[in-house]
Amino acid sequence: MLVLFDHGTPSGIAPALVGHTVVEARERGWDKVSNGDLLNAAEAAGFQVLLTTDKNIQYQQNLTGRKISVLVLANSQWPIVRLHLGSIATAVNAAKPGGYTEVEIPKR
Protein backbone atom coordinates (compact mmCIF):
# COMPACT_ATOMS: atom_id res chain seq x y z
CA MET A 1 0.00 0.00 0.00
CA LEU A 2 0.98 3.59 -0.52
CA VAL A 3 1.06 5.22 2.93
CA LEU A 4 1.22 8.95 3.66
CA PHE A 5 2.65 10.13 6.98
CA ASP A 6 1.10 13.39 8.16
CA HIS A 7 3.49 15.99 9.59
CA GLY A 8 3.20 14.73 13.19
CA THR A 9 3.74 11.04 12.46
CA PRO A 10 7.14 9.78 13.68
CA SER A 11 9.24 8.80 10.66
CA GLY A 12 10.75 5.91 12.64
CA ILE A 13 7.56 3.94 12.01
CA ALA A 14 8.37 3.54 8.30
CA PRO A 15 10.81 0.60 8.61
CA ALA A 16 8.15 -1.40 10.46
CA LEU A 17 5.78 -1.12 7.51
CA VAL A 18 7.38 -3.86 5.46
CA GLY A 19 5.93 -4.21 1.98
CA HIS A 20 4.44 -0.71 1.99
CA THR A 21 5.69 2.47 0.37
CA VAL A 22 5.84 5.35 2.84
CA VAL A 23 5.95 9.02 1.87
CA GLU A 24 6.05 11.90 4.34
CA ALA A 25 3.73 14.85 3.69
CA ARG A 26 6.66 17.28 3.79
CA GLU A 27 8.32 15.40 0.90
CA ARG A 28 5.35 16.46 -1.23
CA GLY A 29 5.17 19.96 0.23
CA TRP A 30 1.94 19.02 1.99
CA ASP A 31 3.11 19.53 5.57
CA LYS A 32 1.29 22.87 5.90
CA VAL A 33 -1.83 21.81 3.98
CA SER A 34 -5.16 21.68 5.85
CA ASN A 35 -6.65 18.26 6.55
CA GLY A 36 -9.39 18.50 3.91
CA ASP A 37 -6.95 19.53 1.20
CA LEU A 38 -4.46 16.92 2.40
CA LEU A 39 -7.05 14.14 2.13
CA ASN A 40 -8.05 15.32 -1.36
CA ALA A 41 -4.44 15.56 -2.55
CA ALA A 42 -3.54 12.19 -1.04
CA GLU A 43 -6.47 10.45 -2.70
CA ALA A 44 -5.73 12.12 -6.03
CA ALA A 45 -2.12 10.92 -5.77
CA GLY A 46 -3.22 7.33 -5.12
CA PHE A 47 -2.42 7.06 -1.42
CA GLN A 48 -4.37 4.30 0.29
CA VAL A 49 -3.57 5.13 3.92
CA LEU A 50 -3.06 8.37 5.83
CA LEU A 51 -1.22 7.84 9.10
CA THR A 52 -1.75 10.86 11.33
CA THR A 53 -1.60 11.96 14.95
CA ASP A 54 -4.54 14.37 14.54
CA LYS A 55 -7.22 12.89 16.79
CA ASN A 56 -9.71 15.55 15.70
CA ILE A 57 -9.67 14.66 12.00
CA GLN A 58 -12.82 12.56 12.32
CA TYR A 59 -14.68 15.59 13.71
CA GLN A 60 -13.15 18.17 11.39
CA GLN A 61 -13.59 16.25 8.13
CA ASN A 62 -16.39 14.29 6.55
CA LEU A 63 -14.73 10.93 5.96
CA THR A 64 -17.83 9.37 4.36
CA GLY A 65 -17.16 8.22 0.81
CA ARG A 66 -13.40 8.58 1.05
CA LYS A 67 -11.18 6.08 -0.74
CA ILE A 68 -8.27 6.62 1.63
CA SER A 69 -8.13 4.87 4.98
CA VAL A 70 -7.33 7.13 7.93
CA LEU A 71 -5.28 5.70 10.81
CA VAL A 72 -4.83 7.89 13.88
CA LEU A 73 -2.08 7.27 16.40
CA ALA A 74 -3.34 7.91 19.92
CA ASN A 75 0.16 8.99 20.95
CA SER A 76 2.92 10.60 18.90
CA GLN A 77 5.85 10.45 21.32
CA TRP A 78 8.54 8.34 19.65
CA PRO A 79 9.90 6.71 22.84
CA ILE A 80 6.43 5.29 23.43
CA VAL A 81 5.37 4.77 19.81
CA ARG A 82 8.46 2.66 19.06
CA LEU A 83 7.23 0.11 21.59
CA HIS A 84 4.02 -0.38 19.56
CA LEU A 85 5.31 -0.73 16.00
CA GLY A 86 3.71 -4.17 15.68
CA SER A 87 0.25 -2.78 16.47
CA ILE A 88 0.74 0.04 14.00
CA ALA A 89 1.87 -2.34 11.25
CA THR A 90 -1.11 -4.59 11.95
CA ALA A 91 -3.47 -1.62 11.62
CA VAL A 92 -1.88 -0.53 8.33
CA ASN A 93 -2.07 -4.09 6.98
CA ALA A 94 -5.77 -4.27 7.91
CA ALA A 95 -6.68 -0.86 6.46
CA LYS A 96 -9.66 -0.84 4.12
CA PRO A 97 -10.68 1.89 1.68
CA GLY A 98 -12.68 4.58 3.47
CA GLY A 99 -11.85 3.16 6.88
CA TYR A 100 -11.08 5.03 10.08
CA THR A 101 -9.05 3.43 12.88
CA GLU A 102 -7.52 4.78 16.05
CA VAL A 103 -4.38 2.88 17.00
CA GLU A 104 -4.37 2.78 20.77
CA ILE A 105 -0.96 3.53 22.25
CA PRO A 106 -0.80 3.88 26.01
CA LYS A 107 0.74 7.06 27.39
CA ARG A 108 3.42 4.96 29.12
C-alpha atoms as a PDB file:
ATOM      1  CA  MET A   1       0.000   0.000   0.000  1.00  0.00           C
ATOM      2  CA  LEU A   2       0.980   3.591  -0.521  1.00  0.00           C
ATOM      3  CA  VAL A   3       1.058   5.222   2.933  1.00  0.00           C
ATOM      4  CA  LEU A   4       1.218   8.953   3.658  1.00  0.00           C
ATOM      5  CA  PHE A   5       2.654  10.127   6.979  1.00  0.00           C
ATOM      6  CA  ASP A   6       1.098  13.386   8.156  1.00  0.00           C
ATOM      7  CA  HIS A   7       3.492  15.989   9.589  1.00  0.00           C
ATOM      8  CA  GLY A   8       3.200  14.727  13.191  1.00  0.00           C
ATOM      9  CA  THR A   9       3.744  11.045  12.459  1.00  0.00           C
ATOM     10  CA  PRO A  10       7.136   9.778  13.685  1.00  0.00           C
ATOM     11  CA  SER A  11       9.235   8.796  10.662  1.00  0.00           C
ATOM     12  CA  GLY A  12      10.754   5.913  12.642  1.00  0.00           C
ATOM     13  CA  ILE A  13       7.563   3.940  12.007  1.00  0.00           C
ATOM     14  CA  ALA A  14       8.368   3.539   8.304  1.00  0.00           C
ATOM     15  CA  PRO A  15      10.813   0.605   8.609  1.00  0.00           C
ATOM     16  CA  ALA A  16       8.149  -1.396  10.464  1.00  0.00           C
ATOM     17  CA  LEU A  17       5.777  -1.119   7.507  1.00  0.00           C
ATOM     18  CA  VAL A  18       7.380  -3.864   5.464  1.00  0.00           C
ATOM     19  CA  GLY A  19       5.927  -4.211   1.976  1.00  0.00           C
ATOM     20  CA  HIS A  20       4.441  -0.712   1.986  1.00  0.00           C
ATOM     21  CA  THR A  21       5.686   2.474   0.366  1.00  0.00           C
ATOM     22  CA  VAL A  22       5.841   5.349   2.836  1.00  0.00           C
ATOM     23  CA  VAL A  23       5.949   9.020   1.874  1.00  0.00           C
ATOM     24  CA  GLU A  24       6.052  11.896   4.337  1.00  0.00           C
ATOM     25  CA  ALA A  25       3.731  14.855   3.688  1.00  0.00           C
ATOM     26  CA  ARG A  26       6.658  17.283   3.788  1.00  0.00           C
ATOM     27  CA  GLU A  27       8.320  15.396   0.901  1.00  0.00           C
ATOM     28  CA  ARG A  28       5.354  16.461  -1.230  1.00  0.00           C
ATOM     29  CA  GLY A  29       5.174  19.962   0.227  1.00  0.00           C
ATOM     30  CA  TRP A  30       1.945  19.017   1.989  1.00  0.00           C
ATOM     31  CA  ASP A  31       3.113  19.532   5.574  1.00  0.00           C
ATOM     32  CA  LYS A  32       1.285  22.871   5.903  1.00  0.00           C
ATOM     33  CA  VAL A  33      -1.834  21.809   3.977  1.00  0.00           C
ATOM     34  CA  SER A  34      -5.159  21.682   5.849  1.00  0.00           C
ATOM     35  CA  ASN A  35      -6.650  18.258   6.548  1.00  0.00           C
ATOM     36  CA  GLY A  36      -9.389  18.499   3.908  1.00  0.00           C
ATOM     37  CA  ASP A  37      -6.954  19.532   1.201  1.00  0.00           C
ATOM     38  CA  LEU A  38      -4.464  16.924   2.397  1.00  0.00           C
ATOM     39  CA  LEU A  39      -7.046  14.142   2.130  1.00  0.00           C
ATOM     40  CA  ASN A  40      -8.050  15.316  -1.359  1.00  0.00           C
ATOM     41  CA  ALA A  41      -4.445  15.560  -2.552  1.00  0.00           C
ATOM     42  CA  ALA A  42      -3.535  12.193  -1.042  1.00  0.00           C
ATOM     43  CA  GLU A  43      -6.474  10.448  -2.697  1.00  0.00           C
ATOM     44  CA  ALA A  44      -5.734  12.116  -6.033  1.00  0.00           C
ATOM     45  CA  ALA A  45      -2.116  10.916  -5.771  1.00  0.00           C
ATOM     46  CA  GLY A  46      -3.218   7.333  -5.118  1.00  0.00           C
ATOM     47  CA  PHE A  47      -2.423   7.064  -1.419  1.00  0.00           C
ATOM     48  CA  GLN A  48      -4.373   4.300   0.287  1.00  0.00           C
ATOM     49  CA  VAL A  49      -3.573   5.128   3.920  1.00  0.00           C
ATOM     50  CA  LEU A  50      -3.057   8.368   5.829  1.00  0.00           C
ATOM     51  CA  LEU A  51      -1.220   7.837   9.104  1.00  0.00           C
ATOM     52  CA  THR A  52      -1.755  10.858  11.335  1.00  0.00           C
ATOM     53  CA  THR A  53      -1.605  11.963  14.946  1.00  0.00           C
ATOM     54  CA  ASP A  54      -4.538  14.374  14.540  1.00  0.00           C
ATOM     55  CA  LYS A  55      -7.222  12.887  16.788  1.00  0.00           C
ATOM     56  CA  ASN A  56      -9.710  15.552  15.701  1.00  0.00           C
ATOM     57  CA  ILE A  57      -9.666  14.661  12.001  1.00  0.00           C
ATOM     58  CA  GLN A  58     -12.816  12.562  12.316  1.00  0.00           C
ATOM     59  CA  TYR A  59     -14.685  15.590  13.707  1.00  0.00           C
ATOM     60  CA  GLN A  60     -13.154  18.174  11.387  1.00  0.00           C
ATOM     61  CA  GLN A  61     -13.586  16.252   8.133  1.00  0.00           C
ATOM     62  CA  ASN A  62     -16.394  14.294   6.551  1.00  0.00           C
ATOM     63  CA  LEU A  63     -14.734  10.935   5.955  1.00  0.00           C
ATOM     64  CA  THR A  64     -17.827   9.371   4.359  1.00  0.00           C
ATOM     65  CA  GLY A  65     -17.160   8.222   0.807  1.00  0.00           C
ATOM     66  CA  ARG A  66     -13.400   8.580   1.048  1.00  0.00           C
ATOM     67  CA  LYS A  67     -11.176   6.075  -0.738  1.00  0.00           C
ATOM     68  CA  ILE A  68      -8.267   6.619   1.628  1.00  0.00           C
ATOM     69  CA  SER A  69      -8.127   4.869   4.985  1.00  0.00           C
ATOM     70  CA  VAL A  70      -7.326   7.133   7.931  1.00  0.00           C
ATOM     71  CA  LEU A  71      -5.285   5.701  10.811  1.00  0.00           C
ATOM     72  CA  VAL A  72      -4.834   7.885  13.875  1.00  0.00           C
ATOM     73  CA  LEU A  73      -2.080   7.272  16.399  1.00  0.00           C
ATOM     74  CA  ALA A  74      -3.337   7.911  19.923  1.00  0.00           C
ATOM     75  CA  ASN A  75       0.161   8.989  20.949  1.00  0.00           C
ATOM     76  CA  SER A  76       2.921  10.596  18.898  1.00  0.00           C
ATOM     77  CA  GLN A  77       5.851  10.450  21.317  1.00  0.00           C
ATOM     78  CA  TRP A  78       8.543   8.344  19.654  1.00  0.00           C
ATOM     79  CA  PRO A  79       9.901   6.707  22.843  1.00  0.00           C
ATOM     80  CA  ILE A  80       6.428   5.293  23.433  1.00  0.00           C
ATOM     81  CA  VAL A  81       5.366   4.768  19.808  1.00  0.00           C
ATOM     82  CA  ARG A  82       8.459   2.661  19.062  1.00  0.00           C
ATOM     83  CA  LEU A  83       7.226   0.106  21.593  1.00  0.00           C
ATOM     84  CA  HIS A  84       4.025  -0.383  19.564  1.00  0.00           C
ATOM     85  CA  LEU A  85       5.309  -0.727  16.004  1.00  0.00           C
ATOM     86  CA  GLY A  86       3.710  -4.166  15.676  1.00  0.00           C
ATOM     87  CA  SER A  87       0.249  -2.776  16.470  1.00  0.00           C
ATOM     88  CA  ILE A  88       0.738   0.038  14.000  1.00  0.00           C
ATOM     89  CA  ALA A  89       1.874  -2.338  11.250  1.00  0.00           C
ATOM     90  CA  THR A  90      -1.112  -4.592  11.953  1.00  0.00           C
ATOM     91  CA  ALA A  91      -3.473  -1.618  11.621  1.00  0.00           C
ATOM     92  CA  VAL A  92      -1.883  -0.530   8.329  1.00  0.00           C
ATOM     93  CA  ASN A  93      -2.071  -4.094   6.980  1.00  0.00           C
ATOM     94  CA  ALA A  94      -5.772  -4.271   7.912  1.00  0.00           C
ATOM     95  CA  ALA A  95      -6.681  -0.861   6.465  1.00  0.00           C
ATOM     96  CA  LYS A  96      -9.664  -0.839   4.124  1.00  0.00           C
ATOM     97  CA  PRO A  97     -10.677   1.891   1.676  1.00  0.00           C
ATOM     98  CA  GLY A  98     -12.676   4.579   3.468  1.00  0.00           C
ATOM     99  CA  GLY A  99     -11.846   3.162   6.884  1.00  0.00           C
ATOM    100  CA  TYR A 100     -11.077   5.030  10.078  1.00  0.00           C
ATOM    101  CA  THR A 101      -9.052   3.431  12.878  1.00  0.00           C
ATOM    102  CA  GLU A 102      -7.516   4.775  16.046  1.00  0.00           C
ATOM    103  CA  VAL A 103      -4.380   2.875  17.000  1.00  0.00           C
ATOM    104  CA  GLU A 104      -4.372   2.784  20.772  1.00  0.00           C
ATOM    105  CA  ILE A 105      -0.960   3.534  22.245  1.00  0.00           C
ATOM    106  CA  PRO A 106      -0.797   3.878  26.012  1.00  0.00           C
ATOM    107  CA  LYS A 107       0.741   7.057  27.392  1.00  0.00           C
ATOM    108  CA  ARG A 108       3.419   4.960  29.125  1.00  0.00           C
END
